[in-house]
Amino acid sequence: FASLPANFTPGKRASIGISVTNRGNTFANVRDVMNLLATVGGENIDGAEIDLGTARVSGRLKPGQSRIVKANVTPPATLLPGSKLTPRATLNVAGDNDPTNNAIFSSTPIAVV
């Protein structure tokens, strides 16, 4: 993740920045949707996963080139303060021989206030 909010407020929009890098040796023509999810822990439902929405990723990336994709997400209004969300994002690129390298996980949970 390139940028994460300091905290989440239930029902309020927050912005997340995701770095997308072409680690292949040819140009990548990307026109896909990135799925954004989060694992919930703390005061709410431990281990449950919620859908934070999607982000559109499009463009042409040279080998080794990166781009920051901004996504606006809205945590559910039902989340309780004290919960912690750990975001993850998955991009399914058509024709990619190794889809296991298309997912990222935050190493730090974000508090719900």
C-alpha atoms as a PDB file:
ATOM      1  CA  PHE A   1       0.000   0.000   0.000  1.00  0.00           C
ATOM      2  CA  ALA A   2       1.312   3.433  -0.890  1.00  0.00           C
ATOM      3  CA  SER A   3      -0.912   5.290   1.572  1.00  0.00           C
ATOM      4  CA  LEU A   4      -3.466   4.366   4.218  1.00  0.00           C
ATOM      5  CA  PRO A   5      -5.691   6.538   6.406  1.00  0.00           C
ATOM      6  CA  ALA A   6      -4.703   7.070  10.058  1.00  0.00           C
ATOM      7  CA  ASN A   7      -8.042   5.513  11.044  1.00  0.00           C
ATOM      8  CA  PHE A   8     -11.427   4.530   9.669  1.00  0.00           C
ATOM      9  CA  THR A   9     -14.784   5.986  10.669  1.00  0.00           C
ATOM     10  CA  PRO A  10     -17.761   3.667  10.069  1.00  0.00           C
ATOM     11  CA  GLY A  11     -19.839   4.875   7.114  1.00  0.00           C
ATOM     12  CA  LYS A  12     -17.318   7.598   6.137  1.00  0.00           C
ATOM     13  CA  ARG A  13     -15.315   7.526   2.936  1.00  0.00           C
ATOM     14  CA  ALA A  14     -11.535   7.129   3.199  1.00  0.00           C
ATOM     15  CA  SER A  15      -8.815   7.110   0.535  1.00  0.00           C
ATOM     16  CA  ILE A  16      -6.293   4.320   0.030  1.00  0.00           C
ATOM     17  CA  GLY A  17      -3.306   4.506  -2.328  1.00  0.00           C
ATOM     18  CA  ILE A  18      -2.126   1.251  -3.906  1.00  0.00           C
ATOM     19  CA  SER A  19       1.141   0.899  -5.800  1.00  0.00           C
ATOM     20  CA  VAL A  20       0.843  -1.294  -8.921  1.00  0.00           C
ATOM     21  CA  THR A  21       4.165  -2.449 -10.420  1.00  0.00           C
ATOM     22  CA  ASN A  22       4.892  -4.375 -13.603  1.00  0.00           C
ATOM     23  CA  ARG A  23       7.518  -6.891 -12.508  1.00  0.00           C
ATOM     24  CA  GLY A  24       7.473  -8.673 -15.864  1.00  0.00           C
ATOM     25  CA  ASN A  25       9.851  -8.222 -18.773  1.00  0.00           C
ATOM     26  CA  THR A  26       7.267  -6.941 -21.299  1.00  0.00           C
ATOM     27  CA  PHE A  27       4.753  -4.105 -21.418  1.00  0.00           C
ATOM     28  CA  ALA A  28       1.594  -4.730 -19.402  1.00  0.00           C
ATOM     29  CA  ASN A  29      -1.683  -3.405 -20.758  1.00  0.00           C
ATOM     30  CA  VAL A  30      -3.793  -3.277 -17.631  1.00  0.00           C
ATOM     31  CA  ARG A  31      -7.548  -2.723 -17.787  1.00  0.00           C
ATOM     32  CA  ASP A  32      -8.956  -4.434 -14.777  1.00  0.00           C
ATOM     33  CA  VAL A  33     -10.694  -4.023 -11.464  1.00  0.00           C
ATOM     34  CA  MET A  34      -8.884  -4.392  -8.161  1.00  0.00           C
ATOM     35  CA  ASN A  35     -10.934  -5.933  -5.349  1.00  0.00           C
ATOM     36  CA  LEU A  36     -10.462  -4.325  -1.940  1.00  0.00           C
ATOM     37  CA  LEU A  37     -11.222  -6.317   1.190  1.00  0.00           C
ATOM     38  CA  ALA A  38     -10.344  -6.062   4.858  1.00  0.00           C
ATOM     39  CA  THR A  39     -10.094  -8.503   7.723  1.00  0.00           C
ATOM     40  CA  VAL A  40     -11.905  -7.323  10.850  1.00  0.00           C
ATOM     41  CA  GLY A  41     -10.443  -7.834  14.307  1.00  0.00           C
ATOM     42  CA  GLY A  42     -10.925  -6.347  17.762  1.00  0.00           C
ATOM     43  CA  GLU A  43     -14.295  -5.415  19.235  1.00  0.00           C
ATOM     44  CA  ASN A  44     -16.340  -6.586  16.262  1.00  0.00           C
ATOM     45  CA  ILE A  45     -16.232  -9.947  14.495  1.00  0.00           C
ATOM     46  CA  ASP A  46     -12.714 -11.383  14.776  1.00  0.00           C
ATOM     47  CA  GLY A  47     -11.380 -12.738  11.518  1.00  0.00           C
ATOM     48  CA  ALA A  48     -14.411 -11.763   9.434  1.00  0.00           C
ATOM     49  CA  GLU A  49     -13.730 -10.266   6.015  1.00  0.00           C
ATOM     50  CA  ILE A  50     -15.631  -7.309   4.593  1.00  0.00           C
ATOM     51  CA  ASP A  51     -15.807  -5.853   1.101  1.00  0.00           C
ATOM     52  CA  LEU A  52     -14.402  -2.319   0.887  1.00  0.00           C
ATOM     53  CA  GLY A  53     -15.208  -1.924  -2.809  1.00  0.00           C
ATOM     54  CA  THR A  54     -13.186  -1.836  -6.009  1.00  0.00           C
ATOM     55  CA  ALA A  55     -10.675   0.365  -7.804  1.00  0.00           C
ATOM     56  CA  ARG A  56     -10.228   0.625 -11.559  1.00  0.00           C
ATOM     57  CA  VAL A  57      -6.699   0.059 -12.812  1.00  0.00           C
ATOM     58  CA  SER A  58      -5.935   0.939 -16.404  1.00  0.00           C
ATOM     59  CA  GLY A  59      -3.019   1.923 -18.552  1.00  0.00           C
ATOM     60  CA  ARG A  60       0.196   0.613 -19.977  1.00  0.00           C
ATOM     61  CA  LEU A  61       3.115  -0.122 -17.684  1.00  0.00           C
ATOM     62  CA  LYS A  62       6.687  -0.619 -18.896  1.00  0.00           C
ATOM     63  CA  PRO A  63       8.697  -3.403 -17.280  1.00  0.00           C
ATOM     64  CA  GLY A  64       9.639  -2.203 -13.792  1.00  0.00           C
ATOM     65  CA  GLN A  65       7.266   0.789 -13.940  1.00  0.00           C
ATOM     66  CA  SER A  66       4.940   1.581 -11.020  1.00  0.00           C
ATOM     67  CA  ARG A  67       1.750   3.597 -10.716  1.00  0.00           C
ATOM     68  CA  ILE A  68      -0.242   4.651  -7.653  1.00  0.00           C
ATOM     69  CA  VAL A  69      -3.949   3.801  -7.889  1.00  0.00           C
ATOM     70  CA  LYS A  70      -6.259   5.748  -5.560  1.00  0.00           C
ATOM     71  CA  ALA A  71      -9.336   4.014  -4.215  1.00  0.00           C
ATOM     72  CA  ASN A  72     -12.121   5.510  -2.148  1.00  0.00           C
ATOM     73  CA  VAL A  73     -13.532   3.027   0.343  1.00  0.00           C
ATOM     74  CA  THR A  74     -16.352   3.265   2.855  1.00  0.00           C
ATOM     75  CA  PRO A  75     -16.174   0.931   5.859  1.00  0.00           C
ATOM     76  CA  PRO A  76     -19.629  -0.381   6.832  1.00  0.00           C
ATOM     77  CA  ALA A  77     -21.588   1.799   9.254  1.00  0.00           C
ATOM     78  CA  THR A  78     -22.095  -1.294  11.434  1.00  0.00           C
ATOM     79  CA  LEU A  79     -18.438  -1.485  12.493  1.00  0.00           C
ATOM     80  CA  LEU A  80     -17.883  -0.754  16.155  1.00  0.00           C
ATOM     81  CA  PRO A  81     -15.246   1.701  17.404  1.00  0.00           C
ATOM     82  CA  GLY A  82     -12.274  -0.272  18.665  1.00  0.00           C
ATOM     83  CA  SER A  83     -12.345  -2.671  15.738  1.00  0.00           C
ATOM     84  CA  LYS A  84      -9.280  -2.922  13.541  1.00  0.00           C
ATOM     85  CA  LEU A  85      -9.298  -3.354   9.755  1.00  0.00           C
ATOM     86  CA  THR A  86      -6.402  -4.949   7.895  1.00  0.00           C
ATOM     87  CA  PRO A  87      -6.799  -4.092   4.183  1.00  0.00           C
ATOM     88  CA  ARG A  88      -5.807  -6.289   1.264  1.00  0.00           C
ATOM     89  CA  ALA A  89      -6.122  -5.800  -2.476  1.00  0.00           C
ATOM     90  CA  THR A  90      -6.158  -8.298  -5.335  1.00  0.00           C
ATOM     91  CA  LEU A  91      -5.720  -7.538  -9.032  1.00  0.00           C
ATOM     92  CA  ASN A  92      -6.580 -10.302 -11.493  1.00  0.00           C
ATOM     93  CA  VAL A  93      -4.597  -9.601 -14.662  1.00  0.00           C
ATOM     94  CA  ALA A  94      -5.715 -11.561 -17.732  1.00  0.00           C
ATOM     95  CA  GLY A  95      -2.979 -13.805 -19.102  1.00  0.00           C
ATOM     96  CA  ASP A  96      -0.782 -13.537 -16.007  1.00  0.00           C
ATOM     97  CA  ASN A  97       1.040 -16.839 -15.482  1.00  0.00           C
ATOM     98  CA  ASP A  98       1.553 -16.160 -11.761  1.00  0.00           C
ATOM     99  CA  PRO A  99      -1.597 -14.661 -10.188  1.00  0.00           C
ATOM    100  CA  THR A 100      -0.170 -15.275  -6.680  1.00  0.00           C
ATOM    101  CA  ASN A 101       1.916 -12.102  -6.993  1.00  0.00           C
ATOM    102  CA  ASN A 102      -1.131  -9.883  -7.613  1.00  0.00           C
ATOM    103  CA  ALA A 103      -2.215  -9.502  -3.999  1.00  0.00           C
ATOM    104  CA  ILE A 104      -1.018  -7.108  -1.311  1.00  0.00           C
ATOM    105  CA  PHE A 105      -1.728  -7.030   2.388  1.00  0.00           C
ATOM    106  CA  SER A 106      -1.304  -4.249   4.900  1.00  0.00           C
ATOM    107  CA  SER A 107       1.102  -5.178   7.675  1.00  0.00           C
ATOM    108  CA  THR A 108      -0.571  -2.755  10.072  1.00  0.00           C
ATOM    109  CA  PRO A 109      -4.238  -2.861  11.116  1.00  0.00           C
ATOM    110  CA  ILE A 110      -6.102   0.467  10.996  1.00  0.00           C
ATOM    111  CA  ALA A 111      -8.257   1.417  13.986  1.00  0.00           C
ATOM    112  CA  VAL A 112     -11.963   2.139  13.640  1.00  0.00           C
ATOM    113  CA  VAL A 113     -12.887   5.255  15.640  1.00  0.00           C
END
